[in-house]
PDB file of N, CA and C in Angstrom:
ATOM      1  N   MET A   1    -178.582 -65.200 -82.834  1.00  0.00           N
ATOM      2  CA  MET A   1    -177.514 -65.962 -83.500  1.00  0.00           C
ATOM      3  C   MET A   1    -177.564 -65.658 -85.018  1.00  0.00           C
ATOM      4  N   ARG A   2    -178.730 -65.644 -85.597  1.00  0.00           N
ATOM      5  CA  ARG A   2    -178.895 -65.417 -87.055  1.00  0.00           C
ATOM      6  C   ARG A   2    -178.157 -64.076 -87.444  1.00  0.00           C
ATOM      7  N   LEU A   3    -178.467 -63.047 -86.591  1.00  0.00           N
ATOM      8  CA  LEU A   3    -177.892 -61.765 -86.810  1.00  0.00           C
ATOM      9  C   LEU A   3    -176.335 -61.788 -86.754  1.00  0.00           C
ATOM     10  N   MET A   4    -175.871 -62.588 -85.801  1.00  0.00           N
ATOM     11  CA  MET A   4    -174.317 -62.691 -85.641  1.00  0.00           C
ATOM     12  C   MET A   4    -173.791 -63.366 -86.934  1.00  0.00           C
ATOM     13  N   LEU A   5    -174.475 -64.410 -87.403  1.00  0.00           N
ATOM     14  CA  LEU A   5    -173.935 -65.036 -88.666  1.00  0.00           C
ATOM     15  C   LEU A   5    -173.961 -64.028 -89.902  1.00  0.00           C
ATOM     16  N   ILE A   6    -175.049 -63.331 -90.087  1.00  0.00           N
ATOM     17  CA  ILE A   6    -175.208 -62.369 -91.203  1.00  0.00           C
ATOM     18  C   ILE A   6    -174.055 -61.291 -91.032  1.00  0.00           C
ATOM     19  N   LEU A   7    -173.850 -60.838 -89.757  1.00  0.00           N
ATOM     20  CA  LEU A   7    -172.835 -59.763 -89.528  1.00  0.00           C
ATOM     21  C   LEU A   7    -171.430 -60.298 -89.914  1.00  0.00           C
ATOM     22  N   LEU A   8    -171.097 -61.561 -89.475  1.00  0.00           N
ATOM     23  CA  LEU A   8    -169.798 -62.223 -89.850  1.00  0.00           C
ATOM     24  C   LEU A   8    -169.651 -62.405 -91.250  1.00  0.00           C
ATOM     25  N   PHE A   9    -170.754 -62.766 -91.967  1.00  0.00           N
ATOM     26  CA  PHE A   9    -170.738 -62.959 -93.448  1.00  0.00           C
ATOM     27  C   PHE A   9    -170.407 -61.646 -94.173  1.00  0.00           C
ATOM     28  N   VAL A  10    -171.137 -60.603 -93.714  1.00  0.00           N
ATOM     29  CA  VAL A  10    -170.928 -59.159 -94.286  1.00  0.00           C
ATOM     30  C   VAL A  10    -169.426 -58.713 -94.085  1.00  0.00           C
ATOM     31  N   ILE A  11    -169.014 -58.954 -92.903  1.00  0.00           N
ATOM     32  CA  ILE A  11    -167.599 -58.425 -92.617  1.00  0.00           C
ATOM     33  C   ILE A  11    -166.636 -59.181 -93.450  1.00  0.00           C
ATOM     34  N   GLY A  12    -166.791 -60.534 -93.524  1.00  0.00           N
ATOM     35  CA  GLY A  12    -165.908 -61.447 -94.202  1.00  0.00           C
ATOM     36  C   GLY A  12    -165.933 -61.179 -95.714  1.00  0.00           C
ATOM     37  N   THR A  13    -167.018 -60.912 -96.303  1.00  0.00           N
ATOM     38  CA  THR A  13    -167.105 -60.499 -97.812  1.00  0.00           C
ATOM     39  C   THR A  13    -166.552 -59.142 -98.051  1.00  0.00           C
ATOM     40  N   ALA A  14    -166.676 -58.210 -97.101  1.00  0.00           N
ATOM     41  CA  ALA A  14    -166.055 -56.935 -97.316  1.00  0.00           C
ATOM     42  C   ALA A  14    -164.543 -56.940 -97.458  1.00  0.00           C
ATOM     43  N   PHE A  15    -163.894 -57.928 -96.835  1.00  0.00           N
ATOM     44  CA  PHE A  15    -162.384 -57.970 -96.933  1.00  0.00           C
ATOM     45  C   PHE A  15    -162.087 -58.934 -98.064  1.00  0.00           C
ATOM     46  N   ALA A  16    -163.008 -59.628 -98.629  1.00  0.00           N
ATOM     47  CA  ALA A  16    -162.701 -60.555 -99.792  1.00  0.00           C
ATOM     48  C   ALA A  16    -162.905 -59.908-101.082  1.00  0.00           C
ATOM     49  N   VAL A  17    -163.614 -58.718-101.201  1.00  0.00           N
ATOM     50  CA  VAL A  17    -163.804 -58.115-102.432  1.00  0.00           C
ATOM     51  C   VAL A  17    -162.513 -57.315-102.801  1.00  0.00           C
ATOM     52  N   PRO A  18    -162.056 -57.558-104.090  1.00  0.00           N
ATOM     53  CA  PRO A  18    -160.775 -56.940-104.449  1.00  0.00           C
ATOM     54  C   PRO A  18    -160.895 -55.402-104.627  1.00  0.00           C
ATOM     55  N   THR A  19    -159.899 -54.704-104.210  1.00  0.00           N
ATOM     56  CA  THR A  19    -159.873 -53.340-104.423  1.00  0.00           C
ATOM     57  C   THR A  19    -159.350 -53.057-105.794  1.00  0.00           C
ATOM     58  N   SER A  20    -159.300 -51.740-106.187  1.00  0.00           N
ATOM     59  CA  SER A  20    -158.755 -51.379-107.647  1.00  0.00           C
ATOM     60  C   SER A  20    -157.348 -51.868-107.816  1.00  0.00           C
ATOM     61  N   ALA A  21    -156.651 -51.780-106.723  1.00  0.00           N
ATOM     62  CA  ALA A  21    -155.172 -52.195-106.870  1.00  0.00           C
ATOM     63  C   ALA A  21    -154.941 -53.597-107.138  1.00  0.00           C
ATOM     64  N   THR A  22    -155.894 -54.515-106.735  1.00  0.00           N
ATOM     65  CA  THR A  22    -155.703 -55.911-106.856  1.00  0.00           C
ATOM     66  C   THR A  22    -156.822 -56.543-107.827  1.00  0.00           C
ATOM     67  N   ALA A  23    -157.626 -55.694-108.450  1.00  0.00           N
ATOM     68  CA  ALA A  23    -158.692 -56.074-109.285  1.00  0.00           C
ATOM     69  C   ALA A  23    -158.031 -56.687-110.591  1.00  0.00           C
ATOM     70  N   ASP A  24    -158.541 -57.715-111.099  1.00  0.00           N
ATOM     71  CA  ASP A  24    -158.033 -58.343-112.269  1.00  0.00           C
ATOM     72  C   ASP A  24    -158.579 -57.506-113.565  1.00  0.00           C
ATOM     73  N   THR A  25    -157.617 -57.039-114.263  1.00  0.00           N
ATOM     74  CA  THR A  25    -157.911 -56.289-115.392  1.00  0.00           C
ATOM     75  C   THR A  25    -157.125 -56.824-116.664  1.00  0.00           C
ATOM     76  N   PRO A  26    -157.630 -58.038-117.147  1.00  0.00           N
ATOM     77  CA  PRO A  26    -156.834 -58.654-118.277  1.00  0.00           C
ATOM     78  C   PRO A  26    -156.749 -57.776-119.486  1.00  0.00           C
ATOM     79  N   GLY A  27    -155.640 -57.736-120.124  1.00  0.00           N
ATOM     80  CA  GLY A  27    -155.412 -57.027-121.409  1.00  0.00           C
ATOM     81  C   GLY A  27    -155.177 -55.521-121.270  1.00  0.00           C
ATOM     82  N   CYS A  28    -155.195 -54.925-120.140  1.00  0.00           N
ATOM     83  CA  CYS A  28    -154.910 -53.535-120.023  1.00  0.00           C
ATOM     84  C   CYS A  28    -154.162 -53.218-118.655  1.00  0.00           C
ATOM     85  N   VAL A  29    -153.563 -52.130-118.573  1.00  0.00           N
ATOM     86  CA  VAL A  29    -152.835 -51.722-117.345  1.00  0.00           C
ATOM     87  C   VAL A  29    -153.429 -50.536-116.664  1.00  0.00           C
ATOM     88  N   THR A  30    -153.714 -50.740-115.301  1.00  0.00           N
ATOM     89  CA  THR A  30    -154.225 -49.646-114.542  1.00  0.00           C
ATOM     90  C   THR A  30    -153.105 -48.871-113.908  1.00  0.00           C
ATOM     91  N   ARG A  31    -153.348 -47.716-113.426  1.00  0.00           N
ATOM     92  CA  ARG A  31    -152.301 -46.881-112.810  1.00  0.00           C
ATOM     93  C   ARG A  31    -151.777 -47.575-111.613  1.00  0.00           C
ATOM     94  N   SER A  32    -152.564 -48.181-110.733  1.00  0.00           N
ATOM     95  CA  SER A  32    -152.090 -48.925-109.612  1.00  0.00           C
ATOM     96  C   SER A  32    -151.246 -50.121-110.006  1.00  0.00           C
ATOM     97  N   GLU A  33    -151.576 -50.905-111.020  1.00  0.00           N
ATOM     98  CA  GLU A  33    -150.713 -51.929-111.520  1.00  0.00           C
ATOM     99  C   GLU A  33    -149.381 -51.392-111.989  1.00  0.00           C
ATOM    100  N   TYR A  34    -149.452 -50.290-112.684  1.00  0.00           N
ATOM    101  CA  TYR A  34    -148.236 -49.638-113.195  1.00  0.00           C
ATOM    102  C   TYR A  34    -147.255 -49.242-112.013  1.00  0.00           C
ATOM    103  N   ARG A  35    -147.831 -48.790-110.922  1.00  0.00           N
ATOM    104  CA  ARG A  35    -147.032 -48.372-109.813  1.00  0.00           C
ATOM    105  C   ARG A  35    -146.394 -49.560-108.971  1.00  0.00           C
ATOM    106  N   GLN A  36    -146.907 -50.736-109.281  1.00  0.00           N
ATOM    107  CA  GLN A  36    -146.232 -51.952-108.648  1.00  0.00           C
ATOM    108  C   GLN A  36    -144.998 -52.410-109.353  1.00  0.00           C
ATOM    109  N   VAL A  37    -144.718 -51.847-110.510  1.00  0.00           N
ATOM    110  CA  VAL A  37    -143.539 -52.308-111.243  1.00  0.00           C
ATOM    111  C   VAL A  37    -142.403 -51.315-111.002  1.00  0.00           C
ATOM    112  N   HIS A  38    -141.193 -51.891-110.682  1.00  0.00           N
ATOM    113  CA  HIS A  38    -140.132 -51.029-110.383  1.00  0.00           C
ATOM    114  C   HIS A  38    -138.847 -51.521-111.141  1.00  0.00           C
ATOM    115  N   SER A  39    -137.733 -50.812-111.228  1.00  0.00           N
ATOM    116  CA  SER A  39    -136.564 -51.346-111.813  1.00  0.00           C
ATOM    117  C   SER A  39    -136.056 -52.712-111.047  1.00  0.00           C
ATOM    118  N   GLY A  40    -135.731 -53.655-111.888  1.00  0.00           N
ATOM    119  CA  GLY A  40    -135.223 -54.937-111.342  1.00  0.00           C
ATOM    120  C   GLY A  40    -136.389 -55.908-111.289  1.00  0.00           C
ATOM    121  N   THR A  41    -137.722 -55.524-111.511  1.00  0.00           N
ATOM    122  CA  THR A  41    -138.805 -56.576-111.488  1.00  0.00           C
ATOM    123  C   THR A  41    -138.641 -57.428-112.735  1.00  0.00           C
ATOM    124  N   PRO A  42    -138.661 -58.835-112.441  1.00  0.00           N
ATOM    125  CA  PRO A  42    -138.590 -59.700-113.598  1.00  0.00           C
ATOM    126  C   PRO A  42    -139.696 -59.558-114.546  1.00  0.00           C
ATOM    127  N   LYS A  43    -139.506 -59.908-115.839  1.00  0.00           N
ATOM    128  CA  LYS A  43    -140.485 -59.803-116.896  1.00  0.00           C
ATOM    129  C   LYS A  43    -141.737 -60.563-116.581  1.00  0.00           C
ATOM    130  N   LEU A  44    -141.574 -61.817-116.047  1.00  0.00           N
ATOM    131  CA  LEU A  44    -142.662 -62.708-115.785  1.00  0.00           C
ATOM    132  C   LEU A  44    -143.640 -62.091-114.728  1.00  0.00           C
ATOM    133  N   ARG A  45    -142.957 -61.429-113.664  1.00  0.00           N
ATOM    134  CA  ARG A  45    -143.835 -60.840-112.613  1.00  0.00           C
ATOM    135  C   ARG A  45    -144.465 -59.591-113.308  1.00  0.00           C
ATOM    136  N   VAL A  46    -143.980 -58.829-114.133  1.00  0.00           N
ATOM    137  CA  VAL A  46    -144.663 -57.664-114.806  1.00  0.00           C
ATOM    138  C   VAL A  46    -145.826 -58.269-115.611  1.00  0.00           C
ATOM    139  N   GLN A  47    -145.626 -59.457-116.330  1.00  0.00           N
ATOM    140  CA  GLN A  47    -146.703 -60.114-117.037  1.00  0.00           C
ATOM    141  C   GLN A  47    -147.859 -60.433-116.112  1.00  0.00           C
ATOM    142  N   ARG A  48    -147.580 -61.023-114.884  1.00  0.00           N
ATOM    143  CA  ARG A  48    -148.567 -61.324-113.964  1.00  0.00           C
ATOM    144  C   ARG A  48    -149.234 -60.161-113.355  1.00  0.00           C
ATOM    145  N   ILE A  49    -148.530 -59.057-113.069  1.00  0.00           N
ATOM    146  CA  ILE A  49    -149.140 -57.752-112.566  1.00  0.00           C
ATOM    147  C   ILE A  49    -150.079 -57.208-113.580  1.00  0.00           C
ATOM    148  N   PHE A  50    -149.517 -57.086-114.881  1.00  0.00           N
ATOM    149  CA  PHE A  50    -150.335 -56.459-115.925  1.00  0.00           C
ATOM    150  C   PHE A  50    -151.442 -57.314-116.553  1.00  0.00           C
ATOM    151  N   ASP A  51    -151.427 -58.588-116.343  1.00  0.00           N
ATOM    152  CA  ASP A  51    -152.336 -59.629-116.787  1.00  0.00           C
ATOM    153  C   ASP A  51    -152.207 -59.622-118.390  1.00  0.00           C
ATOM    154  N   THR A  52    -151.038 -59.288-118.923  1.00  0.00           N
ATOM    155  CA  THR A  52    -150.973 -59.290-120.385  1.00  0.00           C
ATOM    156  C   THR A  52    -149.418 -59.234-120.676  1.00  0.00           C
ATOM    157  N   ASP A  53    -149.041 -59.801-121.879  1.00  0.00           N
ATOM    158  CA  ASP A  53    -147.662 -59.793-122.301  1.00  0.00           C
ATOM    159  C   ASP A  53    -147.228 -58.490-122.972  1.00  0.00           C
ATOM    160  N   GLY A  54    -148.241 -57.737-123.418  1.00  0.00           N
ATOM    161  CA  GLY A  54    -147.942 -56.510-124.123  1.00  0.00           C
ATOM    162  C   GLY A  54    -147.451 -56.860-125.514  1.00  0.00           C
ATOM    163  N   THR A  55    -147.057 -55.803-126.203  1.00  0.00           N
ATOM    164  CA  THR A  55    -146.556 -55.994-127.617  1.00  0.00           C
ATOM    165  C   THR A  55    -145.152 -55.506-127.653  1.00  0.00           C
ATOM    166  N   SER A  56    -144.223 -56.460-128.088  1.00  0.00           N
ATOM    167  CA  SER A  56    -142.875 -56.138-128.318  1.00  0.00           C
ATOM    168  C   SER A  56    -142.615 -55.216-129.545  1.00  0.00           C
ATOM    169  N   VAL A  57    -142.141 -54.128-129.259  1.00  0.00           N
ATOM    170  CA  VAL A  57    -141.870 -53.083-130.427  1.00  0.00           C
ATOM    171  C   VAL A  57    -140.412 -52.983-130.804  1.00  0.00           C
ATOM    172  N   SER A  58    -139.496 -53.536-129.971  1.00  0.00           N
ATOM    173  CA  SER A  58    -138.092 -53.457-130.268  1.00  0.00           C
ATOM    174  C   SER A  58    -137.414 -54.546-129.372  1.00  0.00           C
ATOM    175  N   LYS A  59    -136.652 -55.356-130.139  1.00  0.00           N
ATOM    176  CA  LYS A  59    -135.865 -56.437-129.449  1.00  0.00           C
ATOM    177  C   LYS A  59    -134.489 -56.586-130.109  1.00  0.00           C
ATOM    178  N   ALA A  60    -133.485 -56.271-129.392  1.00  0.00           N
ATOM    179  CA  ALA A  60    -132.123 -56.390-129.832  1.00  0.00           C
ATOM    180  C   ALA A  60    -131.104 -56.504-128.717  1.00  0.00           C
ATOM    181  N   GLY A  61    -130.211 -57.406-128.783  1.00  0.00           N
ATOM    182  CA  GLY A  61    -129.042 -57.496-127.824  1.00  0.00           C
ATOM    183  C   GLY A  61    -129.369 -57.677-126.437  1.00  0.00           C
ATOM    184  N   GLY A  62    -130.491 -58.478-126.110  1.00  0.00           N
ATOM    185  CA  GLY A  62    -130.923 -58.684-124.802  1.00  0.00           C
ATOM    186  C   GLY A  62    -131.917 -57.660-124.256  1.00  0.00           C
ATOM    187  N   HIS A  63    -132.210 -56.709-125.070  1.00  0.00           N
ATOM    188  CA  HIS A  63    -133.131 -55.667-124.664  1.00  0.00           C
ATOM    189  C   HIS A  63    -134.476 -55.927-125.324  1.00  0.00           C
ATOM    190  N   ASP A  64    -135.475 -55.621-124.604  1.00  0.00           N
ATOM    191  CA  ASP A  64    -136.901 -55.858-125.115  1.00  0.00           C
ATOM    192  C   ASP A  64    -137.796 -54.599-124.670  1.00  0.00           C
ATOM    193  N   VAL A  65    -138.326 -53.939-125.603  1.00  0.00           N
ATOM    194  CA  VAL A  65    -139.209 -52.762-125.280  1.00  0.00           C
ATOM    195  C   VAL A  65    -140.607 -53.223-125.597  1.00  0.00           C
ATOM    196  N   ARG A  66    -141.549 -53.150-124.504  1.00  0.00           N
ATOM    197  CA  ARG A  66    -142.802 -53.671-124.709  1.00  0.00           C
ATOM    198  C   ARG A  66    -143.805 -52.426-124.449  1.00  0.00           C
ATOM    199  N   VAL A  67    -144.887 -52.334-125.152  1.00  0.00           N
ATOM    200  CA  VAL A  67    -146.006 -51.382-124.933  1.00  0.00           C
ATOM    201  C   VAL A  67    -147.191 -52.116-124.496  1.00  0.00           C
ATOM    202  N   TYR A  68    -148.016 -51.480-123.675  1.00  0.00           N
ATOM    203  CA  TYR A  68    -149.184 -52.090-123.116  1.00  0.00           C
ATOM    204  C   TYR A  68    -150.395 -51.130-123.253  1.00  0.00           C
ATOM    205  N   ARG A  69    -151.553 -51.662-123.346  1.00  0.00           N
ATOM    206  CA  ARG A  69    -152.762 -50.867-123.447  1.00  0.00           C
ATOM    207  C   ARG A  69    -153.195 -50.397-122.125  1.00  0.00           C
ATOM    208  N   ALA A  70    -153.542 -49.127-121.997  1.00  0.00           N
ATOM    209  CA  ALA A  70    -154.026 -48.568-120.699  1.00  0.00           C
ATOM    210  C   ALA A  70    -155.499 -48.849-120.512  1.00  0.00           C
ATOM    211  N   CYS A  71    -155.967 -49.159-119.320  1.00  0.00           N
ATOM    212  CA  CYS A  71    -157.348 -49.422-119.215  1.00  0.00           C
ATOM    213  C   CYS A  71    -158.231 -48.073-119.273  1.00  0.00           C
ATOM    214  N   HIS A  72    -157.730 -46.934-118.659  1.00  0.00           N
ATOM    215  CA  HIS A  72    -158.442 -45.708-118.754  1.00  0.00           C
ATOM    216  C   HIS A  72    -158.000 -44.874-119.840  1.00  0.00           C
ATOM    217  N   ARG A  73    -159.069 -44.620-120.787  1.00  0.00           N
ATOM    218  CA  ARG A  73    -158.742 -43.881-121.976  1.00  0.00           C
ATOM    219  C   ARG A  73    -157.577 -44.422-122.797  1.00  0.00           C
ATOM    220  N   PRO A  74    -157.670 -45.608-123.270  1.00  0.00           N
ATOM    221  CA  PRO A  74    -156.577 -46.271-123.980  1.00  0.00           C
ATOM    222  C   PRO A  74    -156.110 -45.595-125.203  1.00  0.00           C
ATOM    223  N   ARG A  75    -156.899 -44.703-125.889  1.00  0.00           N
ATOM    224  CA  ARG A  75    -156.424 -44.080-127.131  1.00  0.00           C
ATOM    225  C   ARG A  75    -155.484 -42.807-126.759  1.00  0.00           C
ATOM    226  N   LEU A  76    -155.624 -42.406-125.536  1.00  0.00           N
ATOM    227  CA  LEU A  76    -154.744 -41.319-125.213  1.00  0.00           C
ATOM    228  C   LEU A  76    -153.667 -41.610-124.248  1.00  0.00           C
ATOM    229  N   ALA A  77    -153.711 -42.740-123.633  1.00  0.00           N
ATOM    230  CA  ALA A  77    -152.679 -43.178-122.689  1.00  0.00           C
ATOM    231  C   ALA A  77    -151.705 -44.044-123.387  1.00  0.00           C
ATOM    232  N   TYR A  78    -150.438 -44.114-122.756  1.00  0.00           N
ATOM    233  CA  TYR A  78    -149.421 -44.849-123.296  1.00  0.00           C
ATOM    234  C   TYR A  78    -148.561 -45.428-122.171  1.00  0.00           C
ATOM    235  N   VAL A  79    -148.298 -46.773-122.192  1.00  0.00           N
ATOM    236  CA  VAL A  79    -147.463 -47.428-121.148  1.00  0.00           C
ATOM    237  C   VAL A  79    -146.466 -48.238-121.930  1.00  0.00           C
ATOM    238  N   SER A  80    -145.143 -48.046-121.489  1.00  0.00           N
ATOM    239  CA  SER A  80    -144.056 -48.711-122.147  1.00  0.00           C
ATOM    240  C   SER A  80    -143.155 -49.196-121.026  1.00  0.00           C
ATOM    241  N   VAL A  81    -142.591 -50.417-121.121  1.00  0.00           N
ATOM    242  CA  VAL A  81    -141.636 -50.875-120.201  1.00  0.00           C
ATOM    243  C   VAL A  81    -140.459 -51.423-121.006  1.00  0.00           C
ATOM    244  N   HIS A  82    -139.245 -51.038-120.614  1.00  0.00           N
ATOM    245  CA  HIS A  82    -138.002 -51.545-121.230  1.00  0.00           C
ATOM    246  C   HIS A  82    -137.380 -52.620-120.268  1.00  0.00           C
ATOM    247  N   PHE A  83    -137.016 -53.749-120.879  1.00  0.00           N
ATOM    248  CA  PHE A  83    -136.479 -54.818-120.219  1.00  0.00           C
ATOM    249  C   PHE A  83    -134.999 -55.081-120.711  1.00  0.00           C
ATOM    250  N   SER A  84    -134.035 -55.463-119.842  1.00  0.00           N
ATOM    251  CA  SER A  84    -132.731 -55.883-120.204  1.00  0.00           C
ATOM    252  C   SER A  84    -132.334 -57.069-119.375  1.00  0.00           C
ATOM    253  N   GLY A  85    -132.071 -58.218-120.047  1.00  0.00           N
ATOM    254  CA  GLY A  85    -131.667 -59.355-119.323  1.00  0.00           C
ATOM    255  C   GLY A  85    -132.928 -59.889-118.608  1.00  0.00           C
ATOM    256  N   GLY A  86    -134.090 -59.659-119.016  1.00  0.00           N
ATOM    257  CA  GLY A  86    -135.321 -60.204-118.412  1.00  0.00           C
ATOM    258  C   GLY A  86    -135.804 -59.388-117.165  1.00  0.00           C
ATOM    259  N   GLN A  87    -135.175 -58.181-116.900  1.00  0.00           N
ATOM    260  CA  GLN A  87    -135.652 -57.362-115.898  1.00  0.00           C
ATOM    261  C   GLN A  87    -135.975 -55.921-116.272  1.00  0.00           C
ATOM    262  N   VAL A  88    -136.831 -55.281-115.548  1.00  0.00           N
ATOM    263  CA  VAL A  88    -137.194 -53.868-115.934  1.00  0.00           C
ATOM    264  C   VAL A  88    -135.919 -52.941-115.676  1.00  0.00           C
ATOM    265  N   ILE A  89    -135.681 -52.110-116.652  1.00  0.00           N
ATOM    266  CA  ILE A  89    -134.640 -51.113-116.495  1.00  0.00           C
ATOM    267  C   ILE A  89    -135.221 -49.699-116.572  1.00  0.00           C
ATOM    268  N   LEU A  90    -136.371 -49.636-117.273  1.00  0.00           N
ATOM    269  CA  LEU A  90    -137.016 -48.264-117.367  1.00  0.00           C
ATOM    270  C   LEU A  90    -138.499 -48.557-117.670  1.00  0.00           C
ATOM    271  N   LYS A  91    -139.287 -47.691-117.196  1.00  0.00           N
ATOM    272  CA  LYS A  91    -140.792 -47.708-117.438  1.00  0.00           C
ATOM    273  C   LYS A  91    -141.129 -46.274-117.727  1.00  0.00           C
ATOM    274  N   PHE A  92    -142.225 -46.178-118.553  1.00  0.00           N
ATOM    275  CA  PHE A  92    -142.630 -44.811-118.953  1.00  0.00           C
ATOM    276  C   PHE A  92    -144.232 -44.882-119.252  1.00  0.00           C
ATOM    277  N   ALA A  93    -144.953 -43.926-118.697  1.00  0.00           N
ATOM    278  CA  ALA A  93    -146.327 -43.918-119.105  1.00  0.00           C
ATOM    279  C   ALA A  93    -146.917 -42.495-119.183  1.00  0.00           C
ATOM    280  N   VAL A  94    -147.936 -42.292-119.950  1.00  0.00           N
ATOM    281  CA  VAL A  94    -148.570 -41.079-120.103  1.00  0.00           C
ATOM    282  C   VAL A  94    -150.059 -41.394-119.854  1.00  0.00           C
ATOM    283  N   TRP A  95    -150.634 -40.593-118.835  1.00  0.00           N
ATOM    284  CA  TRP A  95    -152.059 -40.800-118.508  1.00  0.00           C
ATOM    285  C   TRP A  95    -152.771 -39.501-118.727  1.00  0.00           C
ATOM    286  N   PRO A  96    -153.939 -39.545-119.473  1.00  0.00           N
ATOM    287  CA  PRO A  96    -154.646 -38.329-119.701  1.00  0.00           C
ATOM    288  C   PRO A  96    -155.339 -37.835-118.354  1.00  0.00           C
TER     289      PRO A  96
END
């Protein structure tokens, strides 16, 4: 009986551990998080996926361009998302 409980506990925790695609990475963007964002994604959803607001580098006429810090080699990587009307219209990233 004890072995059965231990086995159930191990199996249950194996499915509860977050994978890299769902791991919480506040303040930076992983490649898997970046791949979850597509054209038409609302800005609030992007903020929830990336766990950061990013930095607005250009804002005019309903357009907002935001840059985000990459988790892997942030000095060499670049992540940018362009919003119009509160939705993604373009995304761009460079990963080393």
